[in-house]
Amino acid sequence: MAAGKKRILLSCGSGIVTSTIARKKVEELLDSHGYKGQYEITQVPLASAPEQSRNYDFIVATSIAPTELHCPYVNGVPYLMGVGTEASDAEILRLMEE
């Protein structure tokens, strides 16, 4: 992994409810793959995600990809549904290695 902590933006409609559910899943994934302490997650409302994304390594959003993002997007919807998380997990782990 590159030096320094990975900065992860987590976004949902309000920046609170569904992103908190997804955050727990992302933290479990990262910690179980040896990344504990190597990342920081910030939760924001979807409306502020495009501007905020300038300062992050990637975004996990529990909605469709916001337009005009400045970092890679990972679909966080599977974390809410509890199924089909494999693709999102793989993308997050790939981005952690960049």
PDB file of N, CA and C in Angstrom:
ATOM      1  N   MET A   1       0.840  -1.187   0.000  1.00  0.00           N
ATOM      2  CA  MET A   1       0.000   0.000   0.000  1.00  0.00           C
ATOM      3  C   MET A   1       0.878   1.241   0.000  1.00  0.00           C
ATOM      4  N   ALA A   2       0.389   2.277  -0.612  1.00  0.00           N
ATOM      5  CA  ALA A   2       1.116   3.542  -0.653  1.00  0.00           C
ATOM      6  C   ALA A   2       1.280   4.086   0.765  1.00  0.00           C
ATOM      7  N   ALA A   3       2.276   4.916   0.950  1.00  0.00           N
ATOM      8  CA  ALA A   3       2.536   5.490   2.268  1.00  0.00           C
ATOM      9  C   ALA A   3       1.363   6.345   2.722  1.00  0.00           C
ATOM     10  N   GLY A   4       1.136   6.381   4.011  1.00  0.00           N
ATOM     11  CA  GLY A   4       0.053   7.185   4.554  1.00  0.00           C
ATOM     12  C   GLY A   4      -1.259   6.441   4.555  1.00  0.00           C
ATOM     13  N   LYS A   5      -2.213   7.024   5.267  1.00  0.00           N
ATOM     14  CA  LYS A   5      -3.535   6.408   5.356  1.00  0.00           C
ATOM     15  C   LYS A   5      -4.341   6.685   4.102  1.00  0.00           C
ATOM     16  N   LYS A   6      -5.139   5.691   3.713  1.00  0.00           N
ATOM     17  CA  LYS A   6      -6.085   5.893   2.614  1.00  0.00           C
ATOM     18  C   LYS A   6      -7.254   6.697   3.162  1.00  0.00           C
ATOM     19  N   ARG A   7      -7.671   7.681   2.393  1.00  0.00           N
ATOM     20  CA  ARG A   7      -8.811   8.514   2.789  1.00  0.00           C
ATOM     21  C   ARG A   7     -10.024   8.050   1.997  1.00  0.00           C
ATOM     22  N   ILE A   8     -11.019   7.547   2.712  1.00  0.00           N
ATOM     23  CA  ILE A   8     -12.217   6.984   2.097  1.00  0.00           C
ATOM     24  C   ILE A   8     -13.405   7.879   2.428  1.00  0.00           C
ATOM     25  N   LEU A   9     -14.130   8.256   1.392  1.00  0.00           N
ATOM     26  CA  LEU A   9     -15.350   9.047   1.558  1.00  0.00           C
ATOM     27  C   LEU A   9     -16.523   8.086   1.484  1.00  0.00           C
ATOM     28  N   LEU A  10     -17.436   8.178   2.431  1.00  0.00           N
ATOM     29  CA  LEU A  10     -18.614   7.330   2.435  1.00  0.00           C
ATOM     30  C   LEU A  10     -19.827   8.239   2.353  1.00  0.00           C
ATOM     31  N   SER A  11     -20.671   7.990   1.363  1.00  0.00           N
ATOM     32  CA  SER A  11     -21.762   8.917   1.086  1.00  0.00           C
ATOM     33  C   SER A  11     -23.096   8.204   0.970  1.00  0.00           C
ATOM     34  N   CYS A  12     -24.138   8.859   1.502  1.00  0.00           N
ATOM     35  CA  CYS A  12     -25.516   8.419   1.298  1.00  0.00           C
ATOM     36  C   CYS A  12     -26.368   9.679   1.233  1.00  0.00           C
ATOM     37  N   GLY A  13     -27.674   9.512   1.133  1.00  0.00           N
ATOM     38  CA  GLY A  13     -28.561  10.669   0.997  1.00  0.00           C
ATOM     39  C   GLY A  13     -28.323  11.743   2.040  1.00  0.00           C
ATOM     40  N   SER A  14     -28.344  11.345   3.325  1.00  0.00           N
ATOM     41  CA  SER A  14     -28.186  12.325   4.398  1.00  0.00           C
ATOM     42  C   SER A  14     -26.782  12.346   4.979  1.00  0.00           C
ATOM     43  N   GLY A  15     -25.995  11.313   4.694  1.00  0.00           N
ATOM     44  CA  GLY A  15     -24.650  11.233   5.270  1.00  0.00           C
ATOM     45  C   GLY A  15     -24.625  10.563   6.625  1.00  0.00           C
ATOM     46  N   ILE A  16     -25.770   9.977   7.031  1.00  0.00           N
ATOM     47  CA  ILE A  16     -25.812   9.377   8.363  1.00  0.00           C
ATOM     48  C   ILE A  16     -26.248   7.908   8.341  1.00  0.00           C
ATOM     49  N   VAL A  17     -27.492   7.646   8.013  1.00  0.00           N
ATOM     50  CA  VAL A  17     -28.077   6.333   8.270  1.00  0.00           C
ATOM     51  C   VAL A  17     -27.474   5.213   7.425  1.00  0.00           C
ATOM     52  N   THR A  18     -27.711   5.233   6.124  1.00  0.00           N
ATOM     53  CA  THR A  18     -27.224   4.104   5.322  1.00  0.00           C
ATOM     54  C   THR A  18     -25.707   4.094   5.207  1.00  0.00           C
ATOM     55  N   SER A  19     -25.070   5.255   5.262  1.00  0.00           N
ATOM     56  CA  SER A  19     -23.604   5.249   5.191  1.00  0.00           C
ATOM     57  C   SER A  19     -23.005   4.654   6.463  1.00  0.00           C
ATOM     58  N   THR A  20     -23.703   4.733   7.590  1.00  0.00           N
ATOM     59  CA  THR A  20     -23.210   4.119   8.822  1.00  0.00           C
ATOM     60  C   THR A  20     -23.247   2.604   8.705  1.00  0.00           C
ATOM     61  N   ILE A  21     -24.302   2.063   8.099  1.00  0.00           N
ATOM     62  CA  ILE A  21     -24.398   0.620   7.867  1.00  0.00           C
ATOM     63  C   ILE A  21     -23.254   0.184   6.955  1.00  0.00           C
ATOM     64  N   ALA A  22     -23.067   0.896   5.844  1.00  0.00           N
ATOM     65  CA  ALA A  22     -22.001   0.557   4.900  1.00  0.00           C
ATOM     66  C   ALA A  22     -20.632   0.719   5.552  1.00  0.00           C
ATOM     67  N   ARG A  23     -20.473   1.739   6.380  1.00  0.00           N
ATOM     68  CA  ARG A  23     -19.175   1.977   7.043  1.00  0.00           C
ATOM     69  C   ARG A  23     -18.749   0.774   7.869  1.00  0.00           C
ATOM     70  N   LYS A  24     -19.680   0.210   8.632  1.00  0.00           N
ATOM     71  CA  LYS A  24     -19.361  -0.958   9.452  1.00  0.00           C
ATOM     72  C   LYS A  24     -18.886  -2.121   8.584  1.00  0.00           C
ATOM     73  N   LYS A  25     -19.546  -2.318   7.448  1.00  0.00           N
ATOM     74  CA  LYS A  25     -19.167  -3.413   6.539  1.00  0.00           C
ATOM     75  C   LYS A  25     -17.786  -3.162   5.931  1.00  0.00           C
ATOM     76  N   VAL A  26     -17.521  -1.924   5.527  1.00  0.00           N
ATOM     77  CA  VAL A  26     -16.228  -1.579   4.932  1.00  0.00           C
ATOM     78  C   VAL A  26     -15.117  -1.729   5.975  1.00  0.00           C
ATOM     79  N   GLU A  27     -15.367  -1.267   7.196  1.00  0.00           N
ATOM     80  CA  GLU A  27     -14.364  -1.400   8.258  1.00  0.00           C
ATOM     81  C   GLU A  27     -14.065  -2.869   8.547  1.00  0.00           C
ATOM     82  N   GLU A  28     -15.112  -3.708   8.600  1.00  0.00           N
ATOM     83  CA  GLU A  28     -14.914  -5.142   8.838  1.00  0.00           C
ATOM     84  C   GLU A  28     -14.067  -5.753   7.716  1.00  0.00           C
ATOM     85  N   LEU A  29     -14.385  -5.389   6.476  1.00  0.00           N
ATOM     86  CA  LEU A  29     -13.640  -5.893   5.322  1.00  0.00           C
ATOM     87  C   LEU A  29     -12.162  -5.502   5.431  1.00  0.00           C
ATOM     88  N   LEU A  30     -11.903  -4.211   5.640  1.00  0.00           N
ATOM     89  CA  LEU A  30     -10.529  -3.718   5.671  1.00  0.00           C
ATOM     90  C   LEU A  30      -9.748  -4.303   6.848  1.00  0.00           C
ATOM     91  N   ASP A  31     -10.364  -4.319   8.021  1.00  0.00           N
ATOM     92  CA  ASP A  31      -9.678  -4.837   9.203  1.00  0.00           C
ATOM     93  C   ASP A  31      -9.352  -6.322   9.040  1.00  0.00           C
ATOM     94  N   SER A  32     -10.271  -7.086   8.439  1.00  0.00           N
ATOM     95  CA  SER A  32     -10.048  -8.526   8.260  1.00  0.00           C
ATOM     96  C   SER A  32      -8.981  -8.818   7.212  1.00  0.00           C
ATOM     97  N   HIS A  33      -8.637  -7.814   6.398  1.00  0.00           N
ATOM     98  CA  HIS A  33      -7.590  -7.980   5.392  1.00  0.00           C
ATOM     99  C   HIS A  33      -6.296  -7.257   5.783  1.00  0.00           C
ATOM    100  N   GLY A  34      -6.159  -6.923   7.071  1.00  0.00           N
ATOM    101  CA  GLY A  34      -4.905  -6.374   7.560  1.00  0.00           C
ATOM    102  C   GLY A  34      -4.724  -4.872   7.397  1.00  0.00           C
ATOM    103  N   TYR A  35      -5.796  -4.143   7.124  1.00  0.00           N
ATOM    104  CA  TYR A  35      -5.678  -2.698   6.919  1.00  0.00           C
ATOM    105  C   TYR A  35      -6.041  -1.871   8.153  1.00  0.00           C
ATOM    106  N   LYS A  36      -6.250  -2.502   9.294  1.00  0.00           N
ATOM    107  CA  LYS A  36      -6.622  -1.765  10.506  1.00  0.00           C
ATOM    108  C   LYS A  36      -5.596  -0.662  10.763  1.00  0.00           C
ATOM    109  N   GLY A  37      -6.078   0.555  10.971  1.00  0.00           N
ATOM    110  CA  GLY A  37      -5.208   1.688  11.240  1.00  0.00           C
ATOM    111  C   GLY A  37      -4.591   2.314  10.004  1.00  0.00           C
ATOM    112  N   GLN A  38      -4.923   1.790   8.817  1.00  0.00           N
ATOM    113  CA  GLN A  38      -4.320   2.297   7.587  1.00  0.00           C
ATOM    114  C   GLN A  38      -5.313   3.073   6.728  1.00  0.00           C
ATOM    115  N   TYR A  39      -6.445   3.442   7.311  1.00  0.00           N
ATOM    116  CA  TYR A  39      -7.449   4.178   6.557  1.00  0.00           C
ATOM    117  C   TYR A  39      -8.224   5.088   7.496  1.00  0.00           C
ATOM    118  N   GLU A  40      -8.853   6.090   6.913  1.00  0.00           N
ATOM    119  CA  GLU A  40      -9.795   6.918   7.666  1.00  0.00           C
ATOM    120  C   GLU A  40     -11.022   7.110   6.792  1.00  0.00           C
ATOM    121  N   ILE A  41     -12.182   7.039   7.411  1.00  0.00           N
ATOM    122  CA  ILE A  41     -13.445   7.138   6.689  1.00  0.00           C
ATOM    123  C   ILE A  41     -14.183   8.387   7.145  1.00  0.00           C
ATOM    124  N   THR A  42     -14.685   9.142   6.183  1.00  0.00           N
ATOM    125  CA  THR A  42     -15.488  10.330   6.460  1.00  0.00           C
ATOM    126  C   THR A  42     -16.846  10.143   5.806  1.00  0.00           C
ATOM    127  N   GLN A  43     -17.915  10.343   6.562  1.00  0.00           N
ATOM    128  CA  GLN A  43     -19.272  10.227   6.031  1.00  0.00           C
ATOM    129  C   GLN A  43     -19.810  11.608   5.670  1.00  0.00           C
ATOM    130  N   VAL A  44     -20.402  11.708   4.470  1.00  0.00           N
ATOM    131  CA  VAL A  44     -20.970  12.978   4.015  1.00  0.00           C
ATOM    132  C   VAL A  44     -22.286  12.738   3.290  1.00  0.00           C
ATOM    133  N   PRO A  45     -23.140  13.781   3.240  1.00  0.00           N
ATOM    134  CA  PRO A  45     -24.353  13.679   2.436  1.00  0.00           C
ATOM    135  C   PRO A  45     -23.988  13.624   0.948  1.00  0.00           C
ATOM    136  N   LEU A  46     -24.827  12.985   0.172  1.00  0.00           N
ATOM    137  CA  LEU A  46     -24.584  12.831  -1.260  1.00  0.00           C
ATOM    138  C   LEU A  46     -24.366  14.171  -1.953  1.00  0.00           C
ATOM    139  N   ALA A  47     -25.102  15.187  -1.548  1.00  0.00           N
ATOM    140  CA  ALA A  47     -25.010  16.494  -2.202  1.00  0.00           C
ATOM    141  C   ALA A  47     -23.606  17.088  -2.136  1.00  0.00           C
ATOM    142  N   SER A  48     -22.866  16.806  -1.063  1.00  0.00           N
ATOM    143  CA  SER A  48     -21.526  17.387  -0.939  1.00  0.00           C
ATOM    144  C   SER A  48     -20.421  16.452  -1.429  1.00  0.00           C
ATOM    145  N   ALA A  49     -20.771  15.241  -1.862  1.00  0.00           N
ATOM    146  CA  ALA A  49     -19.761  14.262  -2.277  1.00  0.00           C
ATOM    147  C   ALA A  49     -18.878  14.728  -3.435  1.00  0.00           C
ATOM    148  N   PRO A  50     -19.437  15.314  -4.517  1.00  0.00           N
ATOM    149  CA  PRO A  50     -18.556  15.705  -5.621  1.00  0.00           C
ATOM    150  C   PRO A  50     -17.434  16.658  -5.192  1.00  0.00           C
ATOM    151  N   GLU A  51     -17.756  17.684  -4.458  1.00  0.00           N
ATOM    152  CA  GLU A  51     -16.734  18.643  -4.020  1.00  0.00           C
ATOM    153  C   GLU A  51     -15.768  17.994  -3.030  1.00  0.00           C
ATOM    154  N   GLN A  52     -16.304  17.247  -2.070  1.00  0.00           N
ATOM    155  CA  GLN A  52     -15.464  16.589  -1.058  1.00  0.00           C
ATOM    156  C   GLN A  52     -14.521  15.565  -1.682  1.00  0.00           C
ATOM    157  N   SER A  53     -14.955  14.931  -2.786  1.00  0.00           N
ATOM    158  CA  SER A  53     -14.186  13.828  -3.375  1.00  0.00           C
ATOM    159  C   SER A  53     -12.800  14.242  -3.859  1.00  0.00           C
ATOM    160  N   ARG A  54     -12.569  15.540  -4.010  1.00  0.00           N
ATOM    161  CA  ARG A  54     -11.246  16.021  -4.436  1.00  0.00           C
ATOM    162  C   ARG A  54     -10.149  15.595  -3.460  1.00  0.00           C
ATOM    163  N   ASN A  55     -10.508  15.428  -2.200  1.00  0.00           N
ATOM    164  CA  ASN A  55      -9.520  15.183  -1.147  1.00  0.00           C
ATOM    165  C   ASN A  55      -9.461  13.730  -0.680  1.00  0.00           C
ATOM    166  N   TYR A  56     -10.057  12.803  -1.454  1.00  0.00           N
ATOM    167  CA  TYR A  56     -10.135  11.410  -1.011  1.00  0.00           C
ATOM    168  C   TYR A  56      -9.585  10.454  -2.060  1.00  0.00           C
ATOM    169  N   ASP A  57      -9.172   9.270  -1.593  1.00  0.00           N
ATOM    170  CA  ASP A  57      -8.627   8.250  -2.496  1.00  0.00           C
ATOM    171  C   ASP A  57      -9.734   7.534  -3.266  1.00  0.00           C
ATOM    172  N   PHE A  58     -10.888   7.331  -2.612  1.00  0.00           N
ATOM    173  CA  PHE A  58     -12.052   6.778  -3.300  1.00  0.00           C
ATOM    174  C   PHE A  58     -13.298   7.003  -2.462  1.00  0.00           C
ATOM    175  N   ILE A  59     -14.459   6.813  -3.107  1.00  0.00           N
ATOM    176  CA  ILE A  59     -15.745   7.001  -2.444  1.00  0.00           C
ATOM    177  C   ILE A  59     -16.543   5.716  -2.515  1.00  0.00           C
ATOM    178  N   VAL A  60     -17.209   5.381  -1.409  1.00  0.00           N
ATOM    179  CA  VAL A  60     -18.182   4.301  -1.368  1.00  0.00           C
ATOM    180  C   VAL A  60     -19.520   4.995  -1.154  1.00  0.00           C
ATOM    181  N   ALA A  61     -20.431   4.860  -2.126  1.00  0.00           N
ATOM    182  CA  ALA A  61     -21.721   5.548  -2.034  1.00  0.00           C
ATOM    183  C   ALA A  61     -22.858   4.536  -2.031  1.00  0.00           C
ATOM    184  N   THR A  62     -23.837   4.778  -1.161  1.00  0.00           N
ATOM    185  CA  THR A  62     -24.996   3.888  -1.076  1.00  0.00           C
ATOM    186  C   THR A  62     -26.109   4.395  -1.981  1.00  0.00           C
ATOM    187  N   SER A  63     -25.698   4.909  -3.136  1.00  0.00           N
ATOM    188  CA  SER A  63     -26.631   5.431  -4.138  1.00  0.00           C
ATOM    189  C   SER A  63     -25.942   5.305  -5.489  1.00  0.00           C
ATOM    190  N   ILE A  64     -26.607   5.764  -6.530  1.00  0.00           N
ATOM    191  CA  ILE A  64     -25.935   5.798  -7.830  1.00  0.00           C
ATOM    192  C   ILE A  64     -24.743   6.737  -7.720  1.00  0.00           C
ATOM    193  N   ALA A  65     -23.789   6.557  -8.603  1.00  0.00           N
ATOM    194  CA  ALA A  65     -22.588   7.395  -8.555  1.00  0.00           C
ATOM    195  C   ALA A  65     -22.956   8.856  -8.756  1.00  0.00           C
ATOM    196  N   PRO A  66     -22.566   9.718  -7.824  1.00  0.00           N
ATOM    197  CA  PRO A  66     -22.788  11.153  -8.018  1.00  0.00           C
ATOM    198  C   PRO A  66     -22.012  11.627  -9.247  1.00  0.00           C
ATOM    199  N   THR A  67     -22.513  12.623  -9.914  1.00  0.00           N
ATOM    200  CA  THR A  67     -21.806  13.157 -11.075  1.00  0.00           C
ATOM    201  C   THR A  67     -20.634  14.016 -10.619  1.00  0.00           C
ATOM    202  N   GLU A  68     -19.667  14.156 -11.499  1.00  0.00           N
ATOM    203  CA  GLU A  68     -18.517  15.026 -11.275  1.00  0.00           C
ATOM    204  C   GLU A  68     -17.667  14.649 -10.068  1.00  0.00           C
ATOM    205  N   LEU A  69     -17.483  13.347  -9.864  1.00  0.00           N
ATOM    206  CA  LEU A  69     -16.592  12.894  -8.795  1.00  0.00           C
ATOM    207  C   LEU A  69     -15.138  13.095  -9.214  1.00  0.00           C
ATOM    208  N   HIS A  70     -14.274  13.282  -8.244  1.00  0.00           N
ATOM    209  CA  HIS A  70     -12.850  13.493  -8.494  1.00  0.00           C
ATOM    210  C   HIS A  70     -12.008  12.337  -7.959  1.00  0.00           C
ATOM    211  N   CYS A  71     -12.654  11.203  -7.674  1.00  0.00           N
ATOM    212  CA  CYS A  71     -11.956  10.011  -7.203  1.00  0.00           C
ATOM    213  C   CYS A  71     -12.763   8.791  -7.650  1.00  0.00           C
ATOM    214  N   PRO A  72     -12.182   7.589  -7.591  1.00  0.00           N
ATOM    215  CA  PRO A  72     -12.915   6.390  -7.990  1.00  0.00           C
ATOM    216  C   PRO A  72     -14.160   6.145  -7.124  1.00  0.00           C
ATOM    217  N   TYR A  73     -15.200   5.582  -7.760  1.00  0.00           N
ATOM    218  CA  TYR A  73     -16.479   5.282  -7.106  1.00  0.00           C
ATOM    219  C   TYR A  73     -16.614   3.784  -6.889  1.00  0.00           C
ATOM    220  N   VAL A  74     -17.067   3.408  -5.693  1.00  0.00           N
ATOM    221  CA  VAL A  74     -17.395   2.015  -5.386  1.00  0.00           C
ATOM    222  C   VAL A  74     -18.866   1.977  -4.993  1.00  0.00           C
ATOM    223  N   ASN A  75     -19.599   1.043  -5.584  1.00  0.00           N
ATOM    224  CA  ASN A  75     -21.022   0.881  -5.296  1.00  0.00           C
ATOM    225  C   ASN A  75     -21.207   0.299  -3.899  1.00  0.00           C
ATOM    226  N   GLY A  76     -21.820   1.079  -2.991  1.00  0.00           N
ATOM    227  CA  GLY A  76     -22.048   0.633  -1.626  1.00  0.00           C
ATOM    228  C   GLY A  76     -23.417   0.035  -1.393  1.00  0.00           C
ATOM    229  N   VAL A  77     -24.278   0.029  -2.411  1.00  0.00           N
ATOM    230  CA  VAL A  77     -25.639  -0.505  -2.259  1.00  0.00           C
ATOM    231  C   VAL A  77     -25.638  -1.968  -1.797  1.00  0.00           C
ATOM    232  N   PRO A  78     -24.753  -2.834  -2.328  1.00  0.00           N
ATOM    233  CA  PRO A  78     -24.768  -4.224  -1.863  1.00  0.00           C
ATOM    234  C   PRO A  78     -24.585  -4.372  -0.351  1.00  0.00           C
ATOM    235  N   TYR A  79     -23.905  -3.423   0.284  1.00  0.00           N
ATOM    236  CA  TYR A  79     -23.725  -3.510   1.730  1.00  0.00           C
ATOM    237  C   TYR A  79     -25.044  -3.301   2.469  1.00  0.00           C
ATOM    238  N   LEU A  80     -25.958  -2.587   1.868  1.00  0.00           N
ATOM    239  CA  LEU A  80     -27.277  -2.380   2.470  1.00  0.00           C
ATOM    240  C   LEU A  80     -28.168  -3.589   2.231  1.00  0.00           C
ATOM    241  N   MET A  81     -28.017  -4.197   1.052  1.00  0.00           N
ATOM    242  CA  MET A  81     -28.857  -5.327   0.673  1.00  0.00           C
ATOM    243  C   MET A  81     -28.386  -6.634   1.315  1.00  0.00           C
ATOM    244  N   GLY A  82     -27.087  -6.690   1.658  1.00  0.00           N
ATOM    245  CA  GLY A  82     -26.544  -7.899   2.258  1.00  0.00           C
ATOM    246  C   GLY A  82     -26.232  -8.996   1.256  1.00  0.00           C
ATOM    247  N   VAL A  83     -26.326  -8.692  -0.039  1.00  0.00           N
ATOM    248  CA  VAL A  83     -26.000  -9.666  -1.078  1.00  0.00           C
ATOM    249  C   VAL A  83     -25.193  -8.984  -2.173  1.00  0.00           C
ATOM    250  N   GLY A  84     -24.383  -9.777  -2.872  1.00  0.00           N
ATOM    251  CA  GLY A  84     -23.635  -9.244  -4.005  1.00  0.00           C
ATOM    252  C   GLY A  84     -22.509  -8.309  -3.626  1.00  0.00           C
ATOM    253  N   THR A  85     -21.938  -8.501  -2.448  1.00  0.00           N
ATOM    254  CA  THR A  85     -20.888  -7.584  -1.995  1.00  0.00           C
ATOM    255  C   THR A  85     -19.515  -7.915  -2.585  1.00  0.00           C
ATOM    256  N   GLU A  86     -19.386  -9.053  -3.258  1.00  0.00           N
ATOM    257  CA  GLU A  86     -18.073  -9.503  -3.721  1.00  0.00           C
ATOM    258  C   GLU A  86     -17.391  -8.483  -4.629  1.00  0.00           C
ATOM    259  N   ALA A  87     -18.127  -7.929  -5.594  1.00  0.00           N
ATOM    260  CA  ALA A  87     -17.527  -6.974  -6.534  1.00  0.00           C
ATOM    261  C   ALA A  87     -17.076  -5.704  -5.809  1.00  0.00           C
ATOM    262  N   SER A  88     -17.910  -5.200  -4.907  1.00  0.00           N
ATOM    263  CA  SER A  88     -17.542  -3.995  -4.153  1.00  0.00           C
ATOM    264  C   SER A  88     -16.352  -4.276  -3.241  1.00  0.00           C
ATOM    265  N   ASP A  89     -16.362  -5.437  -2.579  1.00  0.00           N
ATOM    266  CA  ASP A  89     -15.233  -5.816  -1.720  1.00  0.00           C
ATOM    267  C   ASP A  89     -13.934  -5.840  -2.527  1.00  0.00           C
ATOM    268  N   ALA A  90     -13.988  -6.496  -3.694  1.00  0.00           N
ATOM    269  CA  ALA A  90     -12.795  -6.626  -4.531  1.00  0.00           C
ATOM    270  C   ALA A  90     -12.284  -5.264  -4.988  1.00  0.00           C
ATOM    271  N   GLU A  91     -13.206  -4.364  -5.338  1.00  0.00           N
ATOM    272  CA  GLU A  91     -12.808  -3.033  -5.794  1.00  0.00           C
ATOM    273  C   GLU A  91     -12.169  -2.236  -4.652  1.00  0.00           C
ATOM    274  N   ILE A  92     -12.739  -2.308  -3.466  1.00  0.00           N
ATOM    275  CA  ILE A  92     -12.176  -1.605  -2.299  1.00  0.00           C
ATOM    276  C   ILE A  92     -10.757  -2.121  -2.009  1.00  0.00           C
ATOM    277  N   LEU A  93     -10.596  -3.434  -2.012  1.00  0.00           N
ATOM    278  CA  LEU A  93      -9.276  -4.004  -1.723  1.00  0.00           C
ATOM    279  C   LEU A  93      -8.279  -3.622  -2.804  1.00  0.00           C
ATOM    280  N   ARG A  94      -8.721  -3.567  -4.057  1.00  0.00           N
ATOM    281  CA  ARG A  94      -7.833  -3.144  -5.168  1.00  0.00           C
ATOM    282  C   ARG A  94      -7.401  -1.693  -4.958  1.00  0.00           C
ATOM    283  N   LEU A  95      -8.355  -0.830  -4.624  1.00  0.00           N
ATOM    284  CA  LEU A  95      -8.046   0.586  -4.419  1.00  0.00           C
ATOM    285  C   LEU A  95      -7.130   0.805  -3.220  1.00  0.00           C
ATOM    286  N   MET A  96      -7.225  -0.043  -2.226  1.00  0.00           N
ATOM    287  CA  MET A  96      -6.339   0.075  -1.063  1.00  0.00           C
ATOM    288  C   MET A  96      -4.890  -0.213  -1.452  1.00  0.00           C
ATOM    289  N   GLU A  97      -4.676  -0.973  -2.489  1.00  0.00           N
ATOM    290  CA  GLU A  97      -3.321  -1.319  -2.929  1.00  0.00           C
ATOM    291  C   GLU A  97      -2.690  -0.264  -3.815  1.00  0.00           C
ATOM    292  N   GLU A  98      -3.495   0.669  -4.323  1.00  0.00           N
ATOM    293  CA  GLU A  98      -2.958   1.693  -5.247  1.00  0.00           C
ATOM    294  C   GLU A  98      -2.171   2.748  -4.499  1.00  0.00           C
TER     295      GLU A  98
END
